[in-house]
mmCIF file of all heavy atoms, coordinates in Angstrom:
data_MODEL
# 
_entry.id   MODEL 
# 
loop_
_atom_site.group_PDB 
_atom_site.id 
_atom_site.type_symbol 
_atom_site.label_atom_id 
_atom_site.label_alt_id 
_atom_site.label_comp_id 
_atom_site.label_asym_id 
_atom_site.label_entity_id 
_atom_site.label_seq_id 
_atom_site.pdbx_PDB_ins_code 
_atom_site.Cartn_x 
_atom_site.Cartn_y 
_atom_site.Cartn_z 
_atom_site.occupancy 
_atom_site.B_iso_or_equiv 
_atom_site.pdbx_formal_charge 
_atom_site.auth_seq_id 
_atom_site.auth_comp_id 
_atom_site.auth_asym_id 
_atom_site.auth_atom_id 
_atom_site.pdbx_PDB_model_num 
ATOM 1   N N   . LEU A 1 1  ? -165.209 -58.445 -18.337 1.00 0.00 ? 1  LEU A N   1 
ATOM 2   C CA  . LEU A 1 1  ? -165.964 -59.526 -19.016 1.00 0.00 ? 1  LEU A CA  1 
ATOM 3   C C   . LEU A 1 1  ? -165.509 -59.825 -20.372 1.00 0.00 ? 1  LEU A C   1 
ATOM 4   O O   . LEU A 1 1  ? -165.788 -60.906 -21.012 1.00 0.00 ? 1  LEU A O   1 
ATOM 5   C CB  . LEU A 1 1  ? -167.435 -59.183 -19.030 1.00 0.00 ? 1  LEU A CB  1 
ATOM 6   C CG  . LEU A 1 1  ? -168.169 -58.964 -17.659 1.00 0.00 ? 1  LEU A CG  1 
ATOM 7   C CD1 . LEU A 1 1  ? -169.674 -58.966 -17.845 1.00 0.00 ? 1  LEU A CD1 1 
ATOM 8   C CD2 . LEU A 1 1  ? -167.780 -60.075 -16.650 1.00 0.00 ? 1  LEU A CD2 1 
ATOM 9   N N   . ARG A 1 2  ? -164.725 -58.873 -21.055 1.00 0.00 ? 2  ARG A N   1 
ATOM 10  C CA  . ARG A 1 2  ? -164.216 -59.160 -22.345 1.00 0.00 ? 2  ARG A CA  1 
ATOM 11  C C   . ARG A 1 2  ? -163.186 -60.283 -22.376 1.00 0.00 ? 2  ARG A C   1 
ATOM 12  O O   . ARG A 1 2  ? -163.106 -60.990 -23.363 1.00 0.00 ? 2  ARG A O   1 
ATOM 13  C CB  . ARG A 1 2  ? -163.612 -57.870 -22.938 1.00 0.00 ? 2  ARG A CB  1 
ATOM 14  C CG  . ARG A 1 2  ? -164.609 -56.763 -23.069 1.00 0.00 ? 2  ARG A CG  1 
ATOM 15  C CD  . ARG A 1 2  ? -163.918 -55.369 -23.427 1.00 0.00 ? 2  ARG A CD  1 
ATOM 16  N NE  . ARG A 1 2  ? -163.005 -54.985 -22.421 1.00 0.00 ? 2  ARG A NE  1 
ATOM 17  C CZ  . ARG A 1 2  ? -162.233 -53.893 -22.424 1.00 0.00 ? 2  ARG A CZ  1 
ATOM 18  N NH1 . ARG A 1 2  ? -162.321 -53.176 -23.513 1.00 0.00 ? 2  ARG A NH1 1 
ATOM 19  N NH2 . ARG A 1 2  ? -161.435 -53.603 -21.475 1.00 0.00 ? 2  ARG A NH2 1 
ATOM 20  N N   . ILE A 1 3  ? -162.554 -60.424 -21.241 1.00 0.00 ? 3  ILE A N   1 
ATOM 21  C CA  . ILE A 1 3  ? -161.422 -61.433 -21.146 1.00 0.00 ? 3  ILE A CA  1 
ATOM 22  C C   . ILE A 1 3  ? -162.001 -62.820 -21.140 1.00 0.00 ? 3  ILE A C   1 
ATOM 23  O O   . ILE A 1 3  ? -161.483 -63.786 -21.578 1.00 0.00 ? 3  ILE A O   1 
ATOM 24  C CB  . ILE A 1 3  ? -160.595 -61.150 -19.902 1.00 0.00 ? 3  ILE A CB  1 
ATOM 25  C CG1 . ILE A 1 3  ? -159.789 -59.822 -20.074 1.00 0.00 ? 3  ILE A CG1 1 
ATOM 26  C CG2 . ILE A 1 3  ? -159.630 -62.297 -19.621 1.00 0.00 ? 3  ILE A CG2 1 
ATOM 27  C CD1 . ILE A 1 3  ? -159.134 -59.417 -18.784 1.00 0.00 ? 3  ILE A CD1 1 
ATOM 28  N N   . VAL A 1 4  ? -163.283 -62.970 -20.510 1.00 0.00 ? 4  VAL A N   1 
ATOM 29  C CA  . VAL A 1 4  ? -163.890 -64.293 -20.427 1.00 0.00 ? 4  VAL A CA  1 
ATOM 30  C C   . VAL A 1 4  ? -164.998 -64.435 -21.362 1.00 0.00 ? 4  VAL A C   1 
ATOM 31  O O   . VAL A 1 4  ? -165.962 -65.224 -21.202 1.00 0.00 ? 4  VAL A O   1 
ATOM 32  C CB  . VAL A 1 4  ? -164.422 -64.466 -18.959 1.00 0.00 ? 4  VAL A CB  1 
ATOM 33  C CG1 . VAL A 1 4  ? -163.248 -64.602 -18.005 1.00 0.00 ? 4  VAL A CG1 1 
ATOM 34  C CG2 . VAL A 1 4  ? -165.378 -63.344 -18.563 1.00 0.00 ? 4  VAL A CG2 1 
ATOM 35  N N   . ASP A 1 5  ? -164.951 -63.763 -22.561 1.00 0.00 ? 5  ASP A N   1 
ATOM 36  C CA  . ASP A 1 5  ? -165.933 -63.866 -23.552 1.00 0.00 ? 5  ASP A CA  1 
ATOM 37  C C   . ASP A 1 5  ? -167.318 -63.552 -23.056 1.00 0.00 ? 5  ASP A C   1 
ATOM 38  O O   . ASP A 1 5  ? -168.326 -64.253 -23.431 1.00 0.00 ? 5  ASP A O   1 
ATOM 39  C CB  . ASP A 1 5  ? -165.898 -65.242 -24.226 1.00 0.00 ? 5  ASP A CB  1 
ATOM 40  C CG  . ASP A 1 5  ? -166.639 -65.269 -25.593 1.00 0.00 ? 5  ASP A CG  1 
ATOM 41  O OD1 . ASP A 1 5  ? -166.737 -64.201 -26.224 1.00 0.00 ? 5  ASP A OD1 1 
ATOM 42  O OD2 . ASP A 1 5  ? -167.161 -66.361 -25.982 1.00 0.00 ? 5  ASP A OD2 1 
ATOM 43  N N   . PHE A 1 6  ? -167.480 -62.566 -22.170 1.00 0.00 ? 6  PHE A N   1 
ATOM 44  C CA  . PHE A 1 6  ? -168.658 -62.088 -21.651 1.00 0.00 ? 6  PHE A CA  1 
ATOM 45  C C   . PHE A 1 6  ? -169.463 -63.152 -20.866 1.00 0.00 ? 6  PHE A C   1 
ATOM 46  O O   . PHE A 1 6  ? -170.702 -63.114 -20.790 1.00 0.00 ? 6  PHE A O   1 
ATOM 47  C CB  . PHE A 1 6  ? -169.544 -61.434 -22.770 1.00 0.00 ? 6  PHE A CB  1 
ATOM 48  C CG  . PHE A 1 6  ? -168.859 -60.325 -23.513 1.00 0.00 ? 6  PHE A CG  1 
ATOM 49  C CD1 . PHE A 1 6  ? -168.282 -60.582 -24.717 1.00 0.00 ? 6  PHE A CD1 1 
ATOM 50  C CD2 . PHE A 1 6  ? -168.708 -59.135 -22.888 1.00 0.00 ? 6  PHE A CD2 1 
ATOM 51  C CE1 . PHE A 1 6  ? -167.569 -59.601 -25.362 1.00 0.00 ? 6  PHE A CE1 1 
ATOM 52  C CE2 . PHE A 1 6  ? -168.003 -58.073 -23.587 1.00 0.00 ? 6  PHE A CE2 1 
ATOM 53  C CZ  . PHE A 1 6  ? -167.440 -58.304 -24.794 1.00 0.00 ? 6  PHE A CZ  1 
ATOM 54  N N   . ASP A 1 7  ? -168.722 -64.082 -20.325 1.00 0.00 ? 7  ASP A N   1 
ATOM 55  C CA  . ASP A 1 7  ? -169.322 -65.046 -19.368 1.00 0.00 ? 7  ASP A CA  1 
ATOM 56  C C   . ASP A 1 7  ? -169.616 -64.330 -18.034 1.00 0.00 ? 7  ASP A C   1 
ATOM 57  O O   . ASP A 1 7  ? -168.742 -63.635 -17.513 1.00 0.00 ? 7  ASP A O   1 
ATOM 58  C CB  . ASP A 1 7  ? -168.405 -66.228 -19.103 1.00 0.00 ? 7  ASP A CB  1 
ATOM 59  C CG  . ASP A 1 7  ? -168.980 -67.206 -18.167 1.00 0.00 ? 7  ASP A CG  1 
ATOM 60  O OD1 . ASP A 1 7  ? -170.121 -67.638 -18.377 1.00 0.00 ? 7  ASP A OD1 1 
ATOM 61  O OD2 . ASP A 1 7  ? -168.332 -67.456 -17.182 1.00 0.00 ? 7  ASP A OD2 1 
ATOM 62  N N   . CYS A 1 8  ? -170.834 -64.456 -17.519 1.00 0.00 ? 8  CYS A N   1 
ATOM 63  C CA  . CYS A 1 8  ? -171.236 -63.680 -16.348 1.00 0.00 ? 8  CYS A CA  1 
ATOM 64  C C   . CYS A 1 8  ? -171.130 -64.472 -15.085 1.00 0.00 ? 8  CYS A C   1 
ATOM 65  O O   . CYS A 1 8  ? -171.703 -64.061 -14.044 1.00 0.00 ? 8  CYS A O   1 
ATOM 66  C CB  . CYS A 1 8  ? -172.659 -63.179 -16.556 1.00 0.00 ? 8  CYS A CB  1 
ATOM 67  S SG  . CYS A 1 8  ? -172.865 -62.190 -17.952 1.00 0.00 ? 8  CYS A SG  1 
ATOM 68  N N   . SER A 1 9  ? -170.389 -65.600 -15.062 1.00 0.00 ? 9  SER A N   1 
ATOM 69  C CA  . SER A 1 9  ? -170.309 -66.412 -13.871 1.00 0.00 ? 9  SER A CA  1 
ATOM 70  C C   . SER A 1 9  ? -169.673 -65.670 -12.718 1.00 0.00 ? 9  SER A C   1 
ATOM 71  O O   . SER A 1 9  ? -170.083 -65.827 -11.547 1.00 0.00 ? 9  SER A O   1 
ATOM 72  C CB  . SER A 1 9  ? -169.489 -67.678 -14.158 1.00 0.00 ? 9  SER A CB  1 
ATOM 73  O OG  . SER A 1 9  ? -170.056 -68.473 -15.146 1.00 0.00 ? 9  SER A OG  1 
ATOM 74  N N   . GLY A 1 10 ? -168.681 -64.812 -12.979 1.00 0.00 ? 10 GLY A N   1 
ATOM 75  C CA  . GLY A 1 10 ? -168.008 -64.021 -11.923 1.00 0.00 ? 10 GLY A CA  1 
ATOM 76  C C   . GLY A 1 10 ? -169.067 -63.124 -11.210 1.00 0.00 ? 10 GLY A C   1 
ATOM 77  O O   . GLY A 1 10 ? -168.997 -62.909 -10.011 1.00 0.00 ? 10 GLY A O   1 
ATOM 78  N N   . ILE A 1 11 ? -169.965 -62.561 -11.940 1.00 0.00 ? 11 ILE A N   1 
ATOM 79  C CA  . ILE A 1 11 ? -171.009 -61.694 -11.368 1.00 0.00 ? 11 ILE A CA  1 
ATOM 80  C C   . ILE A 1 11 ? -171.839 -62.515 -10.412 1.00 0.00 ? 11 ILE A C   1 
ATOM 81  O O   . ILE A 1 11 ? -172.189 -62.117 -9.361  1.00 0.00 ? 11 ILE A O   1 
ATOM 82  C CB  . ILE A 1 11 ? -171.843 -61.059 -12.502 1.00 0.00 ? 11 ILE A CB  1 
ATOM 83  C CG1 . ILE A 1 11 ? -171.037 -60.037 -13.319 1.00 0.00 ? 11 ILE A CG1 1 
ATOM 84  C CG2 . ILE A 1 11 ? -173.079 -60.321 -11.928 1.00 0.00 ? 11 ILE A CG2 1 
ATOM 85  C CD1 . ILE A 1 11 ? -171.761 -59.443 -14.496 1.00 0.00 ? 11 ILE A CD1 1 
ATOM 86  N N   . LEU A 1 12 ? -172.284 -63.624 -10.882 1.00 0.00 ? 12 LEU A N   1 
ATOM 87  C CA  . LEU A 1 12 ? -173.191 -64.443 -10.117 1.00 0.00 ? 12 LEU A CA  1 
ATOM 88  C C   . LEU A 1 12 ? -172.513 -65.028 -8.770  1.00 0.00 ? 12 LEU A C   1 
ATOM 89  O O   . LEU A 1 12 ? -173.107 -65.094 -7.745  1.00 0.00 ? 12 LEU A O   1 
ATOM 90  C CB  . LEU A 1 12 ? -173.752 -65.606 -10.916 1.00 0.00 ? 12 LEU A CB  1 
ATOM 91  C CG  . LEU A 1 12 ? -175.074 -65.320 -11.620 1.00 0.00 ? 12 LEU A CG  1 
ATOM 92  C CD1 . LEU A 1 12 ? -174.919 -64.127 -12.591 1.00 0.00 ? 12 LEU A CD1 1 
ATOM 93  C CD2 . LEU A 1 12 ? -175.569 -66.551 -12.354 1.00 0.00 ? 12 LEU A CD2 1 
ATOM 94  N N   . ASP A 1 13 ? -171.249 -65.326 -8.914  1.00 0.00 ? 13 ASP A N   1 
ATOM 95  C CA  . ASP A 1 13 ? -170.500 -65.810 -7.712  1.00 0.00 ? 13 ASP A CA  1 
ATOM 96  C C   . ASP A 1 13 ? -170.427 -64.691 -6.690  1.00 0.00 ? 13 ASP A C   1 
ATOM 97  O O   . ASP A 1 13 ? -170.683 -64.954 -5.520  1.00 0.00 ? 13 ASP A O   1 
ATOM 98  C CB  . ASP A 1 13 ? -169.087 -66.237 -8.151  1.00 0.00 ? 13 ASP A CB  1 
ATOM 99  C CG  . ASP A 1 13 ? -169.047 -67.509 -8.946  1.00 0.00 ? 13 ASP A CG  1 
ATOM 100 O OD1 . ASP A 1 13 ? -170.033 -68.235 -8.945  1.00 0.00 ? 13 ASP A OD1 1 
ATOM 101 O OD2 . ASP A 1 13 ? -167.989 -67.763 -9.658  1.00 0.00 ? 13 ASP A OD2 1 
ATOM 102 N N   . ASN A 1 14 ? -170.176 -63.516 -7.120  1.00 0.00 ? 14 ASN A N   1 
ATOM 103 C CA  . ASN A 1 14 ? -170.134 -62.357 -6.192  1.00 0.00 ? 14 ASN A CA  1 
ATOM 104 C C   . ASN A 1 14 ? -171.534 -62.064 -5.626  1.00 0.00 ? 14 ASN A C   1 
ATOM 105 O O   . ASN A 1 14 ? -171.689 -61.699 -4.484  1.00 0.00 ? 14 ASN A O   1 
ATOM 106 C CB  . ASN A 1 14 ? -169.575 -61.095 -6.854  1.00 0.00 ? 14 ASN A CB  1 
ATOM 107 C CG  . ASN A 1 14 ? -168.052 -61.058 -6.915  1.00 0.00 ? 14 ASN A CG  1 
ATOM 108 O OD1 . ASN A 1 14 ? -167.382 -60.775 -5.909  1.00 0.00 ? 14 ASN A OD1 1 
ATOM 109 N ND2 . ASN A 1 14 ? -167.497 -61.406 -8.077  1.00 0.00 ? 14 ASN A ND2 1 
ATOM 110 N N   . LEU A 1 15 ? -172.509 -62.208 -6.460  1.00 0.00 ? 15 LEU A N   1 
ATOM 111 C CA  . LEU A 1 15 ? -173.933 -61.968 -6.036  1.00 0.00 ? 15 LEU A CA  1 
ATOM 112 C C   . LEU A 1 15 ? -174.331 -62.875 -4.923  1.00 0.00 ? 15 LEU A C   1 
ATOM 113 O O   . LEU A 1 15 ? -174.908 -62.477 -3.901  1.00 0.00 ? 15 LEU A O   1 
ATOM 114 C CB  . LEU A 1 15 ? -174.815 -62.183 -7.240  1.00 0.00 ? 15 LEU A CB  1 
ATOM 115 C CG  . LEU A 1 15 ? -176.318 -61.841 -6.975  1.00 0.00 ? 15 LEU A CG  1 
ATOM 116 C CD1 . LEU A 1 15 ? -176.576 -60.491 -6.427  1.00 0.00 ? 15 LEU A CD1 1 
ATOM 117 C CD2 . LEU A 1 15 ? -177.091 -62.120 -8.293  1.00 0.00 ? 15 LEU A CD2 1 
ATOM 118 N N   . LYS A 1 16 ? -173.974 -64.178 -5.077  1.00 0.00 ? 16 LYS A N   1 
ATOM 119 C CA  . LYS A 1 16 ? -174.305 -65.147 -3.956  1.00 0.00 ? 16 LYS A CA  1 
ATOM 120 C C   . LYS A 1 16 ? -173.657 -64.772 -2.674  1.00 0.00 ? 16 LYS A C   1 
ATOM 121 O O   . LYS A 1 16 ? -174.220 -64.814 -1.624  1.00 0.00 ? 16 LYS A O   1 
ATOM 122 C CB  . LYS A 1 16 ? -173.769 -66.538 -4.387  1.00 0.00 ? 16 LYS A CB  1 
ATOM 123 C CG  . LYS A 1 16 ? -174.632 -67.179 -5.485  1.00 0.00 ? 16 LYS A CG  1 
ATOM 124 C CD  . LYS A 1 16 ? -174.077 -68.570 -5.821  1.00 0.00 ? 16 LYS A CD  1 
ATOM 125 C CE  . LYS A 1 16 ? -174.913 -69.173 -6.966  1.00 0.00 ? 16 LYS A CE  1 
ATOM 126 N NZ  . LYS A 1 16 ? -174.391 -70.504 -7.413  1.00 0.00 ? 16 LYS A NZ  1 
ATOM 127 N N   . MET A 1 17 ? -172.303 -64.374 -2.773  1.00 0.00 ? 17 MET A N   1 
ATOM 128 C CA  . MET A 1 17 ? -171.641 -63.978 -1.581  1.00 0.00 ? 17 MET A CA  1 
ATOM 129 C C   . MET A 1 17 ? -172.296 -62.752 -0.941  1.00 0.00 ? 17 MET A C   1 
ATOM 130 O O   . MET A 1 17 ? -172.518 -62.625 0.298   1.00 0.00 ? 17 MET A O   1 
ATOM 131 C CB  . MET A 1 17 ? -170.175 -63.655 -1.938  1.00 0.00 ? 17 MET A CB  1 
ATOM 132 C CG  . MET A 1 17 ? -169.342 -63.130 -0.722  1.00 0.00 ? 17 MET A CG  1 
ATOM 133 S SD  . MET A 1 17 ? -167.586 -62.992 -1.142  1.00 0.00 ? 17 MET A SD  1 
ATOM 134 C CE  . MET A 1 17 ? -167.567 -61.773 -2.424  1.00 0.00 ? 17 MET A CE  1 
ATOM 135 N N   . LEU A 1 18 ? -172.694 -61.734 -1.669  1.00 0.00 ? 18 LEU A N   1 
ATOM 136 C CA  . LEU A 1 18 ? -173.229 -60.487 -1.188  1.00 0.00 ? 18 LEU A CA  1 
ATOM 137 C C   . LEU A 1 18 ? -174.648 -60.752 -0.569  1.00 0.00 ? 18 LEU A C   1 
ATOM 138 O O   . LEU A 1 18 ? -174.954 -60.204 0.475   1.00 0.00 ? 18 LEU A O   1 
ATOM 139 C CB  . LEU A 1 18 ? -173.316 -59.440 -2.268  1.00 0.00 ? 18 LEU A CB  1 
ATOM 140 C CG  . LEU A 1 18 ? -173.264 -57.997 -1.912  1.00 0.00 ? 18 LEU A CG  1 
ATOM 141 C CD1 . LEU A 1 18 ? -172.190 -57.706 -0.929  1.00 0.00 ? 18 LEU A CD1 1 
ATOM 142 C CD2 . LEU A 1 18 ? -173.074 -57.135 -3.156  1.00 0.00 ? 18 LEU A CD2 1 
ATOM 143 N N   . ILE A 1 19 ? -175.403 -61.542 -1.264  1.00 0.00 ? 19 ILE A N   1 
ATOM 144 C CA  . ILE A 1 19 ? -176.833 -61.888 -0.807  1.00 0.00 ? 19 ILE A CA  1 
ATOM 145 C C   . ILE A 1 19 ? -176.760 -62.534 0.580   1.00 0.00 ? 19 ILE A C   1 
ATOM 146 O O   . ILE A 1 19 ? -177.557 -62.301 1.460   1.00 0.00 ? 19 ILE A O   1 
ATOM 147 C CB  . ILE A 1 19 ? -177.535 -62.728 -1.793  1.00 0.00 ? 19 ILE A CB  1 
ATOM 148 C CG1 . ILE A 1 19 ? -178.024 -61.828 -2.975  1.00 0.00 ? 19 ILE A CG1 1 
ATOM 149 C CG2 . ILE A 1 19 ? -178.773 -63.423 -1.125  1.00 0.00 ? 19 ILE A CG2 1 
ATOM 150 C CD1 . ILE A 1 19 ? -178.653 -62.595 -4.125  1.00 0.00 ? 19 ILE A CD1 1 
ATOM 151 N N   . ASN A 1 20 ? -175.760 -63.375 0.736   1.00 0.00 ? 20 ASN A N   1 
ATOM 152 C CA  . ASN A 1 20 ? -175.653 -64.187 2.020   1.00 0.00 ? 20 ASN A CA  1 
ATOM 153 C C   . ASN A 1 20 ? -174.826 -63.571 3.131   1.00 0.00 ? 20 ASN A C   1 
ATOM 154 O O   . ASN A 1 20 ? -174.725 -64.207 4.160   1.00 0.00 ? 20 ASN A O   1 
ATOM 155 C CB  . ASN A 1 20 ? -175.084 -65.599 1.658   1.00 0.00 ? 20 ASN A CB  1 
ATOM 156 C CG  . ASN A 1 20 ? -175.975 -66.443 0.768   1.00 0.00 ? 20 ASN A CG  1 
ATOM 157 O OD1 . ASN A 1 20 ? -177.168 -66.495 1.069   1.00 0.00 ? 20 ASN A OD1 1 
ATOM 158 N ND2 . ASN A 1 20 ? -175.429 -67.024 -0.263  1.00 0.00 ? 20 ASN A ND2 1 
ATOM 159 N N   . ASP A 1 21 ? -174.403 -62.287 2.954   1.00 0.00 ? 21 ASP A N   1 
ATOM 160 C CA  . ASP A 1 21 ? -173.490 -61.720 3.981   1.00 0.00 ? 21 ASP A CA  1 
ATOM 161 C C   . ASP A 1 21 ? -173.988 -60.346 4.356   1.00 0.00 ? 21 ASP A C   1 
ATOM 162 O O   . ASP A 1 21 ? -173.679 -59.409 3.690   1.00 0.00 ? 21 ASP A O   1 
ATOM 163 C CB  . ASP A 1 21 ? -172.096 -61.664 3.451   1.00 0.00 ? 21 ASP A CB  1 
ATOM 164 C CG  . ASP A 1 21 ? -171.074 -61.354 4.579   1.00 0.00 ? 21 ASP A CG  1 
ATOM 165 O OD1 . ASP A 1 21 ? -171.478 -60.657 5.539   1.00 0.00 ? 21 ASP A OD1 1 
ATOM 166 O OD2 . ASP A 1 21 ? -169.903 -61.762 4.407   1.00 0.00 ? 21 ASP A OD2 1 
ATOM 167 N N   . PHE A 1 22 ? -174.829 -60.234 5.349   1.00 0.00 ? 22 PHE A N   1 
ATOM 168 C CA  . PHE A 1 22 ? -175.390 -58.965 5.754   1.00 0.00 ? 22 PHE A CA  1 
ATOM 169 C C   . PHE A 1 22 ? -174.362 -57.948 6.157   1.00 0.00 ? 22 PHE A C   1 
ATOM 170 O O   . PHE A 1 22 ? -174.355 -56.764 5.867   1.00 0.00 ? 22 PHE A O   1 
ATOM 171 C CB  . PHE A 1 22 ? -176.394 -59.179 6.917   1.00 0.00 ? 22 PHE A CB  1 
ATOM 172 C CG  . PHE A 1 22 ? -176.832 -57.912 7.563   1.00 0.00 ? 22 PHE A CG  1 
ATOM 173 C CD1 . PHE A 1 22 ? -177.764 -57.074 6.972   1.00 0.00 ? 22 PHE A CD1 1 
ATOM 174 C CD2 . PHE A 1 22 ? -176.253 -57.490 8.762   1.00 0.00 ? 22 PHE A CD2 1 
ATOM 175 C CE1 . PHE A 1 22 ? -178.127 -55.800 7.567   1.00 0.00 ? 22 PHE A CE1 1 
ATOM 176 C CE2 . PHE A 1 22 ? -176.645 -56.264 9.414   1.00 0.00 ? 22 PHE A CE2 1 
ATOM 177 C CZ  . PHE A 1 22 ? -177.558 -55.444 8.772   1.00 0.00 ? 22 PHE A CZ  1 
ATOM 178 N N   . GLU A 1 23 ? -173.384 -58.395 6.911   1.00 0.00 ? 23 GLU A N   1 
ATOM 179 C CA  . GLU A 1 23 ? -172.330 -57.559 7.423   1.00 0.00 ? 23 GLU A CA  1 
ATOM 180 C C   . GLU A 1 23 ? -171.515 -56.982 6.246   1.00 0.00 ? 23 GLU A C   1 
ATOM 181 O O   . GLU A 1 23 ? -171.079 -55.797 6.335   1.00 0.00 ? 23 GLU A O   1 
ATOM 182 C CB  . GLU A 1 23 ? -171.421 -58.288 8.414   1.00 0.00 ? 23 GLU A CB  1 
ATOM 183 C CG  . GLU A 1 23 ? -172.031 -58.631 9.730   1.00 0.00 ? 23 GLU A CG  1 
ATOM 184 C CD  . GLU A 1 23 ? -172.520 -57.460 10.508  1.00 0.00 ? 23 GLU A CD  1 
ATOM 185 O OE1 . GLU A 1 23 ? -171.901 -56.379 10.329  1.00 0.00 ? 23 GLU A OE1 1 
ATOM 186 O OE2 . GLU A 1 23 ? -173.582 -57.561 11.195  1.00 0.00 ? 23 GLU A OE2 1 
ATOM 187 N N   . LEU A 1 24 ? -171.243 -57.733 5.214   1.00 0.00 ? 24 LEU A N   1 
ATOM 188 C CA  . LEU A 1 24 ? -170.525 -57.224 4.080   1.00 0.00 ? 24 LEU A CA  1 
ATOM 189 C C   . LEU A 1 24 ? -171.371 -56.169 3.358   1.00 0.00 ? 24 LEU A C   1 
ATOM 190 O O   . LEU A 1 24 ? -170.839 -55.144 2.960   1.00 0.00 ? 24 LEU A O   1 
ATOM 191 C CB  . LEU A 1 24 ? -170.191 -58.396 3.136   1.00 0.00 ? 24 LEU A CB  1 
ATOM 192 C CG  . LEU A 1 24 ? -169.513 -57.984 1.820   1.00 0.00 ? 24 LEU A CG  1 
ATOM 193 C CD1 . LEU A 1 24 ? -168.225 -57.232 2.108   1.00 0.00 ? 24 LEU A CD1 1 
ATOM 194 C CD2 . LEU A 1 24 ? -169.248 -59.234 0.911   1.00 0.00 ? 24 LEU A CD2 1 
ATOM 195 N N   . ARG A 1 25 ? -172.693 -56.454 3.212   1.00 0.00 ? 25 ARG A N   1 
ATOM 196 C CA  . ARG A 1 25 ? -173.612 -55.461 2.581   1.00 0.00 ? 25 ARG A CA  1 
ATOM 197 C C   . ARG A 1 25 ? -173.548 -54.155 3.357   1.00 0.00 ? 25 ARG A C   1 
ATOM 198 O O   . ARG A 1 25 ? -173.476 -53.073 2.863   1.00 0.00 ? 25 ARG A O   1 
ATOM 199 C CB  . ARG A 1 25 ? -174.947 -55.950 2.432   1.00 0.00 ? 25 ARG A CB  1 
ATOM 200 C CG  . ARG A 1 25 ? -175.093 -57.196 1.505   1.00 0.00 ? 25 ARG A CG  1 
ATOM 201 C CD  . ARG A 1 25 ? -176.553 -57.426 1.036   1.00 0.00 ? 25 ARG A CD  1 
ATOM 202 N NE  . ARG A 1 25 ? -177.505 -57.480 2.131   1.00 0.00 ? 25 ARG A NE  1 
ATOM 203 C CZ  . ARG A 1 25 ? -177.827 -58.572 2.848   1.00 0.00 ? 25 ARG A CZ  1 
ATOM 204 N NH1 . ARG A 1 25 ? -177.174 -59.682 2.581   1.00 0.00 ? 25 ARG A NH1 1 
ATOM 205 N NH2 . ARG A 1 25 ? -178.708 -58.515 3.755   1.00 0.00 ? 25 ARG A NH2 1 
# 
């Protein structure tokens, strides 16, 4: 997150993917 000035968009993108994919979880 230091590279992107602590922008948390990458966290939220991964969160959407994980919430919507039972098999991945």
